[in-house]
Amino acid sequence: MTKEERSEMEHHIITVLETIFDPEIPVNVYELGLIYEIIIGDEGHVKIIMTLTSPNCPVAESLPQEVKDKVSMVKGVTAAEIALTFEPPWDQSMLSDEAKLELGFL
């Protein structure tokens, strides 16, 4: 996979991530800063390292599964793996400027 193909796939993955919302916060998981890293392998295997707003998040099982399901549907993705981490712990500084504006923090 070329650098350009990898970049295009990452763009499509981010577009999909922007359609997934934390049900308690009206902002998508990408703008919330819950996605720490998107790793795209040569054969289209995608690994997403993500977190939740807290370890006790009520969607701790369903939200990562939704991310996996939707990323798996992106053209060129042959497999999707979600790695959930709490290091570093999520905090409001990880919000994008768009999310901060949406939530009234700017």
PDB file of N, CA and C in Angstrom:
ATOM      1  N   MET A   1       0.855  -1.177   0.000  1.00  0.00           N
ATOM      2  CA  MET A   1       0.000   0.000   0.000  1.00  0.00           C
ATOM      3  C   MET A   1       0.903   1.243   0.000  1.00  0.00           C
ATOM      4  N   THR A   2       0.619   2.165  -0.915  1.00  0.00           N
ATOM      5  CA  THR A   2       1.439   3.371  -1.011  1.00  0.00           C
ATOM      6  C   THR A   2       1.068   4.348   0.111  1.00  0.00           C
ATOM      7  N   LYS A   3       1.928   5.314   0.306  1.00  0.00           N
ATOM      8  CA  LYS A   3       1.672   6.350   1.312  1.00  0.00           C
ATOM      9  C   LYS A   3       0.384   7.106   0.972  1.00  0.00           C
ATOM     10  N   GLU A   4       0.169   7.354  -0.316  1.00  0.00           N
ATOM     11  CA  GLU A   4      -1.036   8.065  -0.759  1.00  0.00           C
ATOM     12  C   GLU A   4      -2.294   7.236  -0.483  1.00  0.00           C
ATOM     13  N   GLU A   5      -2.236   5.938  -0.764  1.00  0.00           N
ATOM     14  CA  GLU A   5      -3.385   5.062  -0.503  1.00  0.00           C
ATOM     15  C   GLU A   5      -3.677   4.985   0.996  1.00  0.00           C
ATOM     16  N   ARG A   6      -2.611   4.915   1.792  1.00  0.00           N
ATOM     17  CA  ARG A   6      -2.765   4.866   3.247  1.00  0.00           C
ATOM     18  C   ARG A   6      -3.402   6.169   3.748  1.00  0.00           C
ATOM     19  N   SER A   7      -2.959   7.284   3.212  1.00  0.00           N
ATOM     20  CA  SER A   7      -3.496   8.589   3.598  1.00  0.00           C
ATOM     21  C   SER A   7      -4.973   8.710   3.218  1.00  0.00           C
ATOM     22  N   GLU A   8      -5.316   8.228   2.034  1.00  0.00           N
ATOM     23  CA  GLU A   8      -6.709   8.284   1.586  1.00  0.00           C
ATOM     24  C   GLU A   8      -7.590   7.398   2.473  1.00  0.00           C
ATOM     25  N   MET A   9      -7.088   6.211   2.810  1.00  0.00           N
ATOM     26  CA  MET A   9      -7.849   5.310   3.671  1.00  0.00           C
ATOM     27  C   MET A   9      -8.040   5.938   5.049  1.00  0.00           C
ATOM     28  N   GLU A  10      -6.994   6.563   5.575  1.00  0.00           N
ATOM     29  CA  GLU A  10      -7.107   7.213   6.882  1.00  0.00           C
ATOM     30  C   GLU A  10      -8.167   8.311   6.838  1.00  0.00           C
ATOM     31  N   HIS A  11      -8.205   9.072   5.765  1.00  0.00           N
ATOM     32  CA  HIS A  11      -9.218  10.119   5.611  1.00  0.00           C
ATOM     33  C   HIS A  11     -10.628   9.514   5.656  1.00  0.00           C
ATOM     34  N   HIS A  12     -10.833   8.401   4.956  1.00  0.00           N
ATOM     35  CA  HIS A  12     -12.146   7.739   4.954  1.00  0.00           C
ATOM     36  C   HIS A  12     -12.491   7.200   6.340  1.00  0.00           C
ATOM     37  N   ILE A  13     -11.493   6.668   7.026  1.00  0.00           N
ATOM     38  CA  ILE A  13     -11.725   6.153   8.378  1.00  0.00           C
ATOM     39  C   ILE A  13     -12.132   7.295   9.308  1.00  0.00           C
ATOM     40  N   ILE A  14     -11.443   8.415   9.226  1.00  0.00           N
ATOM     41  CA  ILE A  14     -11.784   9.574  10.065  1.00  0.00           C
ATOM     42  C   ILE A  14     -13.195  10.055   9.754  1.00  0.00           C
ATOM     43  N   THR A  15     -13.558  10.076   8.479  1.00  0.00           N
ATOM     44  CA  THR A  15     -14.914  10.481   8.089  1.00  0.00           C
ATOM     45  C   THR A  15     -15.947   9.577   8.750  1.00  0.00           C
ATOM     46  N   VAL A  16     -15.677   8.277   8.796  1.00  0.00           N
ATOM     47  CA  VAL A  16     -16.593   7.335   9.455  1.00  0.00           C
ATOM     48  C   VAL A  16     -16.605   7.576  10.962  1.00  0.00           C
ATOM     49  N   LEU A  17     -15.440   7.801  11.554  1.00  0.00           N
ATOM     50  CA  LEU A  17     -15.367   8.042  13.000  1.00  0.00           C
ATOM     51  C   LEU A  17     -16.164   9.281  13.393  1.00  0.00           C
ATOM     52  N   GLU A  18     -16.239  10.236  12.489  1.00  0.00           N
ATOM     53  CA  GLU A  18     -16.989  11.461  12.766  1.00  0.00           C
ATOM     54  C   GLU A  18     -18.502  11.242  12.753  1.00  0.00           C
ATOM     55  N   THR A  19     -18.946  10.030  12.413  1.00  0.00           N
ATOM     56  CA  THR A  19     -20.384   9.715  12.450  1.00  0.00           C
ATOM     57  C   THR A  19     -20.762   8.955  13.722  1.00  0.00           C
ATOM     58  N   ILE A  20     -19.780   8.685  14.574  1.00  0.00           N
ATOM     59  CA  ILE A  20     -20.013   7.903  15.794  1.00  0.00           C
ATOM     60  C   ILE A  20     -19.989   8.853  16.986  1.00  0.00           C
ATOM     61  N   PHE A  21     -21.075   8.867  17.741  1.00  0.00           N
ATOM     62  CA  PHE A  21     -21.202   9.821  18.842  1.00  0.00           C
ATOM     63  C   PHE A  21     -21.266   9.111  20.183  1.00  0.00           C
ATOM     64  N   ASP A  22     -20.624   9.716  21.176  1.00  0.00           N
ATOM     65  CA  ASP A  22     -20.804   9.289  22.557  1.00  0.00           C
ATOM     66  C   ASP A  22     -22.219   9.706  22.916  1.00  0.00           C
ATOM     67  N   PRO A  23     -23.063   8.789  23.386  1.00  0.00           N
ATOM     68  CA  PRO A  23     -24.469   9.137  23.622  1.00  0.00           C
ATOM     69  C   PRO A  23     -24.692  10.187  24.711  1.00  0.00           C
ATOM     70  N   GLU A  24     -23.709  10.389  25.566  1.00  0.00           N
ATOM     71  CA  GLU A  24     -23.869  11.369  26.641  1.00  0.00           C
ATOM     72  C   GLU A  24     -23.339  12.753  26.282  1.00  0.00           C
ATOM     73  N   ILE A  25     -22.547  12.822  25.208  1.00  0.00           N
ATOM     74  CA  ILE A  25     -21.948  14.094  24.796  1.00  0.00           C
ATOM     75  C   ILE A  25     -22.239  14.268  23.310  1.00  0.00           C
ATOM     76  N   PRO A  26     -22.809  15.401  22.910  1.00  0.00           N
ATOM     77  CA  PRO A  26     -23.215  15.561  21.507  1.00  0.00           C
ATOM     78  C   PRO A  26     -22.050  15.892  20.561  1.00  0.00           C
ATOM     79  N   VAL A  27     -20.971  15.131  20.678  1.00  0.00           N
ATOM     80  CA  VAL A  27     -19.781  15.340  19.849  1.00  0.00           C
ATOM     81  C   VAL A  27     -19.285  13.962  19.419  1.00  0.00           C
ATOM     82  N   ASN A  28     -18.774  13.864  18.184  1.00  0.00           N
ATOM     83  CA  ASN A  28     -18.307  12.564  17.695  1.00  0.00           C
ATOM     84  C   ASN A  28     -17.009  12.134  18.380  1.00  0.00           C
ATOM     85  N   VAL A  29     -16.727  10.830  18.315  1.00  0.00           N
ATOM     86  CA  VAL A  29     -15.591  10.259  19.039  1.00  0.00           C
ATOM     87  C   VAL A  29     -14.249  10.820  18.570  1.00  0.00           C
ATOM     88  N   TYR A  30     -14.165  11.213  17.292  1.00  0.00           N
ATOM     89  CA  TYR A  30     -12.905  11.757  16.780  1.00  0.00           C
ATOM     90  C   TYR A  30     -12.650  13.156  17.356  1.00  0.00           C
ATOM     91  N   GLU A  31     -13.662  14.011  17.311  1.00  0.00           N
ATOM     92  CA  GLU A  31     -13.514  15.375  17.832  1.00  0.00           C
ATOM     93  C   GLU A  31     -13.393  15.390  19.356  1.00  0.00           C
ATOM     94  N   LEU A  32     -13.946  14.362  20.009  1.00  0.00           N
ATOM     95  CA  LEU A  32     -13.812  14.255  21.470  1.00  0.00           C
ATOM     96  C   LEU A  32     -12.374  13.930  21.883  1.00  0.00           C
ATOM     97  N   GLY A  33     -11.588  13.442  20.938  1.00  0.00           N
ATOM     98  CA  GLY A  33     -10.217  13.055  21.263  1.00  0.00           C
ATOM     99  C   GLY A  33     -10.125  11.640  21.805  1.00  0.00           C
ATOM    100  N   LEU A  34     -11.146  10.826  21.557  1.00  0.00           N
ATOM    101  CA  LEU A  34     -11.130   9.448  22.043  1.00  0.00           C
ATOM    102  C   LEU A  34     -10.280   8.523  21.169  1.00  0.00           C
ATOM    103  N   ILE A  35      -9.962   8.969  19.967  1.00  0.00           N
ATOM    104  CA  ILE A  35      -9.136   8.170  19.058  1.00  0.00           C
ATOM    105  C   ILE A  35      -7.683   8.629  19.213  1.00  0.00           C
ATOM    106  N   TYR A  36      -6.859   7.760  19.764  1.00  0.00           N
ATOM    107  CA  TYR A  36      -5.458   8.102  20.005  1.00  0.00           C
ATOM    108  C   TYR A  36      -4.583   7.843  18.784  1.00  0.00           C
ATOM    109  N   GLU A  37      -4.880   6.772  18.064  1.00  0.00           N
ATOM    110  CA  GLU A  37      -4.023   6.436  16.927  1.00  0.00           C
ATOM    111  C   GLU A  37      -4.772   5.549  15.949  1.00  0.00           C
ATOM    112  N   ILE A  38      -4.495   5.762  14.653  1.00  0.00           N
ATOM    113  CA  ILE A  38      -5.020   4.914  13.581  1.00  0.00           C
ATOM    114  C   ILE A  38      -3.804   4.336  12.867  1.00  0.00           C
ATOM    115  N   ILE A  39      -3.676   3.016  12.914  1.00  0.00           N
ATOM    116  CA  ILE A  39      -2.536   2.342  12.295  1.00  0.00           C
ATOM    117  C   ILE A  39      -3.072   1.504  11.144  1.00  0.00           C
ATOM    118  N   ILE A  40      -2.533   1.748   9.948  1.00  0.00           N
ATOM    119  CA  ILE A  40      -2.994   1.044   8.756  1.00  0.00           C
ATOM    120  C   ILE A  40      -1.856   0.172   8.241  1.00  0.00           C
ATOM    121  N   GLY A  41      -2.082  -1.139   8.239  1.00  0.00           N
ATOM    122  CA  GLY A  41      -1.088  -2.089   7.740  1.00  0.00           C
ATOM    123  C   GLY A  41      -1.147  -2.208   6.232  1.00  0.00           C
ATOM    124  N   ASP A  42      -0.126  -2.831   5.671  1.00  0.00           N
ATOM    125  CA  ASP A  42      -0.016  -2.960   4.217  1.00  0.00           C
ATOM    126  C   ASP A  42      -1.178  -3.701   3.571  1.00  0.00           C
ATOM    127  N   GLU A  43      -1.739  -4.667   4.249  1.00  0.00           N
ATOM    128  CA  GLU A  43      -2.822  -5.452   3.657  1.00  0.00           C
ATOM    129  C   GLU A  43      -4.203  -4.915   4.006  1.00  0.00           C
ATOM    130  N   GLY A  44      -4.286  -3.697   4.537  1.00  0.00           N
ATOM    131  CA  GLY A  44      -5.581  -3.109   4.874  1.00  0.00           C
ATOM    132  C   GLY A  44      -6.062  -3.441   6.271  1.00  0.00           C
ATOM    133  N   HIS A  45      -5.171  -4.020   7.083  1.00  0.00           N
ATOM    134  CA  HIS A  45      -5.525  -4.283   8.478  1.00  0.00           C
ATOM    135  C   HIS A  45      -5.402  -2.972   9.244  1.00  0.00           C
ATOM    136  N   VAL A  46      -6.460  -2.580   9.932  1.00  0.00           N
ATOM    137  CA  VAL A  46      -6.487  -1.306  10.648  1.00  0.00           C
ATOM    138  C   VAL A  46      -6.579  -1.573  12.145  1.00  0.00           C
ATOM    139  N   LYS A  47      -5.709  -0.914  12.881  1.00  0.00           N
ATOM    140  CA  LYS A  47      -5.763  -0.978  14.344  1.00  0.00           C
ATOM    141  C   LYS A  47      -6.029   0.429  14.845  1.00  0.00           C
ATOM    142  N   ILE A  48      -7.046   0.547  15.677  1.00  0.00           N
ATOM    143  CA  ILE A  48      -7.384   1.844  16.257  1.00  0.00           C
ATOM    144  C   ILE A  48      -7.172   1.758  17.753  1.00  0.00           C
ATOM    145  N   ILE A  49      -6.346   2.649  18.249  1.00  0.00           N
ATOM    146  CA  ILE A  49      -6.134   2.753  19.688  1.00  0.00           C
ATOM    147  C   ILE A  49      -7.016   3.890  20.164  1.00  0.00           C
ATOM    148  N   MET A  50      -7.908   3.559  21.085  1.00  0.00           N
ATOM    149  CA  MET A  50      -8.877   4.551  21.538  1.00  0.00           C
ATOM    150  C   MET A  50      -9.088   4.442  23.039  1.00  0.00           C
ATOM    151  N   THR A  51      -9.762   5.433  23.574  1.00  0.00           N
ATOM    152  CA  THR A  51     -10.107   5.447  24.986  1.00  0.00           C
ATOM    153  C   THR A  51     -11.577   5.797  25.130  1.00  0.00           C
ATOM    154  N   LEU A  52     -12.020   5.901  26.348  1.00  0.00           N
ATOM    155  CA  LEU A  52     -13.368   6.352  26.669  1.00  0.00           C
ATOM    156  C   LEU A  52     -13.244   7.530  27.613  1.00  0.00           C
ATOM    157  N   THR A  53     -14.316   8.269  27.788  1.00  0.00           N
ATOM    158  CA  THR A  53     -14.247   9.436  28.672  1.00  0.00           C
ATOM    159  C   THR A  53     -13.969   9.036  30.111  1.00  0.00           C
ATOM    160  N   SER A  54     -14.326   7.802  30.480  1.00  0.00           N
ATOM    161  CA  SER A  54     -13.979   7.276  31.807  1.00  0.00           C
ATOM    162  C   SER A  54     -14.030   5.750  31.745  1.00  0.00           C
ATOM    163  N   PRO A  55     -13.282   5.075  32.621  1.00  0.00           N
ATOM    164  CA  PRO A  55     -13.317   3.606  32.625  1.00  0.00           C
ATOM    165  C   PRO A  55     -14.709   3.051  32.935  1.00  0.00           C
ATOM    166  N   ASN A  56     -15.538   3.822  33.617  1.00  0.00           N
ATOM    167  CA  ASN A  56     -16.889   3.382  33.968  1.00  0.00           C
ATOM    168  C   ASN A  56     -17.937   3.845  32.969  1.00  0.00           C
ATOM    169  N   CYS A  57     -17.501   4.255  31.792  1.00  0.00           N
ATOM    170  CA  CYS A  57     -18.402   4.751  30.751  1.00  0.00           C
ATOM    171  C   CYS A  57     -19.485   3.710  30.465  1.00  0.00           C
ATOM    172  N   PRO A  58     -20.770   4.125  30.432  1.00  0.00           N
ATOM    173  CA  PRO A  58     -21.855   3.172  30.202  1.00  0.00           C
ATOM    174  C   PRO A  58     -21.816   2.492  28.825  1.00  0.00           C
ATOM    175  N   VAL A  59     -21.064   3.055  27.884  1.00  0.00           N
ATOM    176  CA  VAL A  59     -20.976   2.449  26.552  1.00  0.00           C
ATOM    177  C   VAL A  59     -19.613   1.784  26.337  1.00  0.00           C
ATOM    178  N   ALA A  60     -18.987   1.342  27.414  1.00  0.00           N
ATOM    179  CA  ALA A  60     -17.639   0.758  27.350  1.00  0.00           C
ATOM    180  C   ALA A  60     -17.564  -0.451  26.417  1.00  0.00           C
ATOM    181  N   GLU A  61     -18.660  -1.175  26.269  1.00  0.00           N
ATOM    182  CA  GLU A  61     -18.649  -2.324  25.363  1.00  0.00           C
ATOM    183  C   GLU A  61     -19.178  -1.965  23.983  1.00  0.00           C
ATOM    184  N   SER A  62     -20.243  -1.184  23.934  1.00  0.00           N
ATOM    185  CA  SER A  62     -20.890  -0.931  22.644  1.00  0.00           C
ATOM    186  C   SER A  62     -20.140   0.090  21.774  1.00  0.00           C
ATOM    187  N   LEU A  63     -19.523   1.101  22.366  1.00  0.00           N
ATOM    188  CA  LEU A  63     -18.866   2.134  21.560  1.00  0.00           C
ATOM    189  C   LEU A  63     -17.654   1.580  20.797  1.00  0.00           C
ATOM    190  N   PRO A  64     -16.729   0.858  21.435  1.00  0.00           N
ATOM    191  CA  PRO A  64     -15.627   0.267  20.657  1.00  0.00           C
ATOM    192  C   PRO A  64     -16.131  -0.700  19.580  1.00  0.00           C
ATOM    193  N   GLN A  65     -17.183  -1.426  19.861  1.00  0.00           N
ATOM    194  CA  GLN A  65     -17.740  -2.345  18.861  1.00  0.00           C
ATOM    195  C   GLN A  65     -18.315  -1.574  17.678  1.00  0.00           C
ATOM    196  N   GLU A  66     -18.973  -0.450  17.952  1.00  0.00           N
ATOM    197  CA  GLU A  66     -19.496   0.386  16.863  1.00  0.00           C
ATOM    198  C   GLU A  66     -18.354   0.930  16.009  1.00  0.00           C
ATOM    199  N   VAL A  67     -17.274   1.359  16.658  1.00  0.00           N
ATOM    200  CA  VAL A  67     -16.100   1.839  15.920  1.00  0.00           C
ATOM    201  C   VAL A  67     -15.578   0.718  15.021  1.00  0.00           C
ATOM    202  N   LYS A  68     -15.417  -0.466  15.585  1.00  0.00           N
ATOM    203  CA  LYS A  68     -14.903  -1.607  14.812  1.00  0.00           C
ATOM    204  C   LYS A  68     -15.816  -1.920  13.634  1.00  0.00           C
ATOM    205  N   ASP A  69     -17.114  -2.001  13.886  1.00  0.00           N
ATOM    206  CA  ASP A  69     -18.069  -2.346  12.827  1.00  0.00           C
ATOM    207  C   ASP A  69     -18.040  -1.340  11.688  1.00  0.00           C
ATOM    208  N   LYS A  70     -18.036  -0.055  12.030  1.00  0.00           N
ATOM    209  CA  LYS A  70     -18.089   0.973  10.979  1.00  0.00           C
ATOM    210  C   LYS A  70     -16.762   1.099  10.233  1.00  0.00           C
ATOM    211  N   VAL A  71     -15.639   0.989  10.941  1.00  0.00           N
ATOM    212  CA  VAL A  71     -14.338   1.059  10.273  1.00  0.00           C
ATOM    213  C   VAL A  71     -14.160  -0.151   9.356  1.00  0.00           C
ATOM    214  N   SER A  72     -14.679  -1.292   9.753  1.00  0.00           N
ATOM    215  CA  SER A  72     -14.583  -2.506   8.929  1.00  0.00           C
ATOM    216  C   SER A  72     -15.254  -2.338   7.575  1.00  0.00           C
ATOM    217  N   MET A  73     -16.214  -1.430   7.478  1.00  0.00           N
ATOM    218  CA  MET A  73     -16.960  -1.215   6.245  1.00  0.00           C
ATOM    219  C   MET A  73     -16.276  -0.245   5.281  1.00  0.00           C
ATOM    220  N   VAL A  74     -15.187   0.405   5.725  1.00  0.00           N
ATOM    221  CA  VAL A  74     -14.473   1.345   4.860  1.00  0.00           C
ATOM    222  C   VAL A  74     -13.790   0.574   3.732  1.00  0.00           C
ATOM    223  N   LYS A  75     -13.901   1.100   2.529  1.00  0.00           N
ATOM    224  CA  LYS A  75     -13.300   0.453   1.358  1.00  0.00           C
ATOM    225  C   LYS A  75     -11.801   0.248   1.586  1.00  0.00           C
ATOM    226  N   GLY A  76     -11.349  -0.981   1.342  1.00  0.00           N
ATOM    227  CA  GLY A  76      -9.936  -1.307   1.477  1.00  0.00           C
ATOM    228  C   GLY A  76      -9.555  -1.878   2.831  1.00  0.00           C
ATOM    229  N   VAL A  77     -10.427  -1.727   3.823  1.00  0.00           N
ATOM    230  CA  VAL A  77     -10.135  -2.278   5.149  1.00  0.00           C
ATOM    231  C   VAL A  77     -10.453  -3.765   5.109  1.00  0.00           C
ATOM    232  N   THR A  78      -9.440  -4.590   5.391  1.00  0.00           N
ATOM    233  CA  THR A  78      -9.632  -6.037   5.376  1.00  0.00           C
ATOM    234  C   THR A  78      -9.907  -6.587   6.768  1.00  0.00           C
ATOM    235  N   ALA A  79      -9.474  -5.864   7.798  1.00  0.00           N
ATOM    236  CA  ALA A  79      -9.725  -6.259   9.186  1.00  0.00           C
ATOM    237  C   ALA A  79      -9.588  -5.017  10.049  1.00  0.00           C
ATOM    238  N   ALA A  80     -10.377  -4.965  11.103  1.00  0.00           N
ATOM    239  CA  ALA A  80     -10.299  -3.835  12.035  1.00  0.00           C
ATOM    240  C   ALA A  80     -10.139  -4.379  13.445  1.00  0.00           C
ATOM    241  N   GLU A  81      -9.210  -3.791  14.168  1.00  0.00           N
ATOM    242  CA  GLU A  81      -8.948  -4.174  15.555  1.00  0.00           C
ATOM    243  C   GLU A  81      -9.032  -2.912  16.400  1.00  0.00           C
ATOM    244  N   ILE A  82      -9.682  -3.011  17.528  1.00  0.00           N
ATOM    245  CA  ILE A  82      -9.794  -1.887  18.444  1.00  0.00           C
ATOM    246  C   ILE A  82      -9.027  -2.229  19.714  1.00  0.00           C
ATOM    247  N   ALA A  83      -8.108  -1.362  20.076  1.00  0.00           N
ATOM    248  CA  ALA A  83      -7.366  -1.526  21.331  1.00  0.00           C
ATOM    249  C   ALA A  83      -7.819  -0.407  22.261  1.00  0.00           C
ATOM    250  N   LEU A  84      -8.435  -0.794  23.353  1.00  0.00           N
ATOM    251  CA  LEU A  84      -8.935   0.171  24.321  1.00  0.00           C
ATOM    252  C   LEU A  84      -7.866   0.416  25.374  1.00  0.00           C
ATOM    253  N   THR A  85      -7.583   1.684  25.635  1.00  0.00           N
ATOM    254  CA  THR A  85      -6.570   2.037  26.622  1.00  0.00           C
ATOM    255  C   THR A  85      -7.071   3.186  27.491  1.00  0.00           C
ATOM    256  N   PHE A  86      -6.521   3.289  28.657  1.00  0.00           N
ATOM    257  CA  PHE A  86      -6.830   4.420  29.531  1.00  0.00           C
ATOM    258  C   PHE A  86      -5.554   5.163  29.907  1.00  0.00           C
ATOM    259  N   GLU A  87      -4.502   4.953  29.106  1.00  0.00           N
ATOM    260  CA  GLU A  87      -3.240   5.650  29.293  1.00  0.00           C
ATOM    261  C   GLU A  87      -2.893   6.383  28.014  1.00  0.00           C
ATOM    262  N   PRO A  88      -2.809   7.657  27.966  1.00  0.00           N
ATOM    263  CA  PRO A  88      -3.127   8.536  29.094  1.00  0.00           C
ATOM    264  C   PRO A  88      -4.639   8.634  29.284  1.00  0.00           C
ATOM    265  N   PRO A  89      -5.071   8.940  30.500  1.00  0.00           N
ATOM    266  CA  PRO A  89      -6.504   9.100  30.729  1.00  0.00           C
ATOM    267  C   PRO A  89      -7.046  10.275  29.917  1.00  0.00           C
ATOM    268  N   TRP A  90      -8.264  10.121  29.415  1.00  0.00           N
ATOM    269  CA  TRP A  90      -8.895  11.192  28.650  1.00  0.00           C
ATOM    270  C   TRP A  90      -9.234  12.353  29.581  1.00  0.00           C
ATOM    271  N   ASP A  91      -9.062  13.570  29.070  1.00  0.00           N
ATOM    272  CA  ASP A  91      -9.555  14.751  29.780  1.00  0.00           C
ATOM    273  C   ASP A  91      -9.966  15.798  28.748  1.00  0.00           C
ATOM    274  N   GLN A  92     -10.549  16.870  29.212  1.00  0.00           N
ATOM    275  CA  GLN A  92     -11.130  17.870  28.303  1.00  0.00           C
ATOM    276  C   GLN A  92     -10.102  18.541  27.405  1.00  0.00           C
ATOM    277  N   SER A  93      -8.827  18.509  27.768  1.00  0.00           N
ATOM    278  CA  SER A  93      -7.809  19.121  26.917  1.00  0.00           C
ATOM    279  C   SER A  93      -7.666  18.371  25.590  1.00  0.00           C
ATOM    280  N   MET A  94      -8.190  17.167  25.499  1.00  0.00           N
ATOM    281  CA  MET A  94      -8.092  16.368  24.274  1.00  0.00           C
ATOM    282  C   MET A  94      -9.174  16.706  23.261  1.00  0.00           C
ATOM    283  N   LEU A  95     -10.137  17.520  23.656  1.00  0.00           N
ATOM    284  CA  LEU A  95     -11.195  17.949  22.743  1.00  0.00           C
ATOM    285  C   LEU A  95     -10.610  18.798  21.622  1.00  0.00           C
ATOM    286  N   SER A  96     -11.119  18.615  20.417  1.00  0.00           N
ATOM    287  CA  SER A  96     -10.733  19.492  19.317  1.00  0.00           C
ATOM    288  C   SER A  96     -11.342  20.869  19.561  1.00  0.00           C
ATOM    289  N   ASP A  97     -10.857  21.865  18.854  1.00  0.00           N
ATOM    290  CA  ASP A  97     -11.442  23.204  18.980  1.00  0.00           C
ATOM    291  C   ASP A  97     -12.913  23.194  18.593  1.00  0.00           C
ATOM    292  N   GLU A  98     -13.248  22.394  17.576  1.00  0.00           N
ATOM    293  CA  GLU A  98     -14.641  22.280  17.135  1.00  0.00           C
ATOM    294  C   GLU A  98     -15.511  21.725  18.268  1.00  0.00           C
ATOM    295  N   ALA A  99     -15.007  20.700  18.953  1.00  0.00           N
ATOM    296  CA  ALA A  99     -15.758  20.110  20.069  1.00  0.00           C
ATOM    297  C   ALA A  99     -15.885  21.091  21.222  1.00  0.00           C
ATOM    298  N   LYS A 100     -14.825  21.827  21.511  1.00  0.00           N
ATOM    299  CA  LYS A 100     -14.867  22.812  22.590  1.00  0.00           C
ATOM    300  C   LYS A 100     -15.914  23.889  22.283  1.00  0.00           C
ATOM    301  N   LEU A 101     -15.973  24.308  21.040  1.00  0.00           N
ATOM    302  CA  LEU A 101     -16.951  25.296  20.612  1.00  0.00           C
ATOM    303  C   LEU A 101     -18.376  24.725  20.755  1.00  0.00           C
ATOM    304  N   GLU A 102     -18.562  23.489  20.297  1.00  0.00           N
ATOM    305  CA  GLU A 102     -19.864  22.813  20.370  1.00  0.00           C
ATOM    306  C   GLU A 102     -20.351  22.690  21.813  1.00  0.00           C
ATOM    307  N   LEU A 103     -19.414  22.421  22.711  1.00  0.00           N
ATOM    308  CA  LEU A 103     -19.775  22.235  24.125  1.00  0.00           C
ATOM    309  C   LEU A 103     -19.748  23.512  24.948  1.00  0.00           C
ATOM    310  N   GLY A 104     -19.411  24.636  24.294  1.00  0.00           N
ATOM    311  CA  GLY A 104     -19.412  25.923  24.987  1.00  0.00           C
ATOM    312  C   GLY A 104     -18.190  26.194  25.818  1.00  0.00           C
ATOM    313  N   PHE A 105     -17.073  25.504  25.509  1.00  0.00           N
ATOM    314  CA  PHE A 105     -15.837  25.702  26.263  1.00  0.00           C
ATOM    315  C   PHE A 105     -14.966  26.809  25.668  1.00  0.00           C
ATOM    316  N   LEU A 106     -15.343  27.342  24.509  1.00  0.00           N
ATOM    317  CA  LEU A 106     -14.561  28.430  23.878  1.00  0.00           C
ATOM    318  C   LEU A 106     -15.377  29.710  23.883  1.00  0.00           C
TER     319      LEU A 106
END
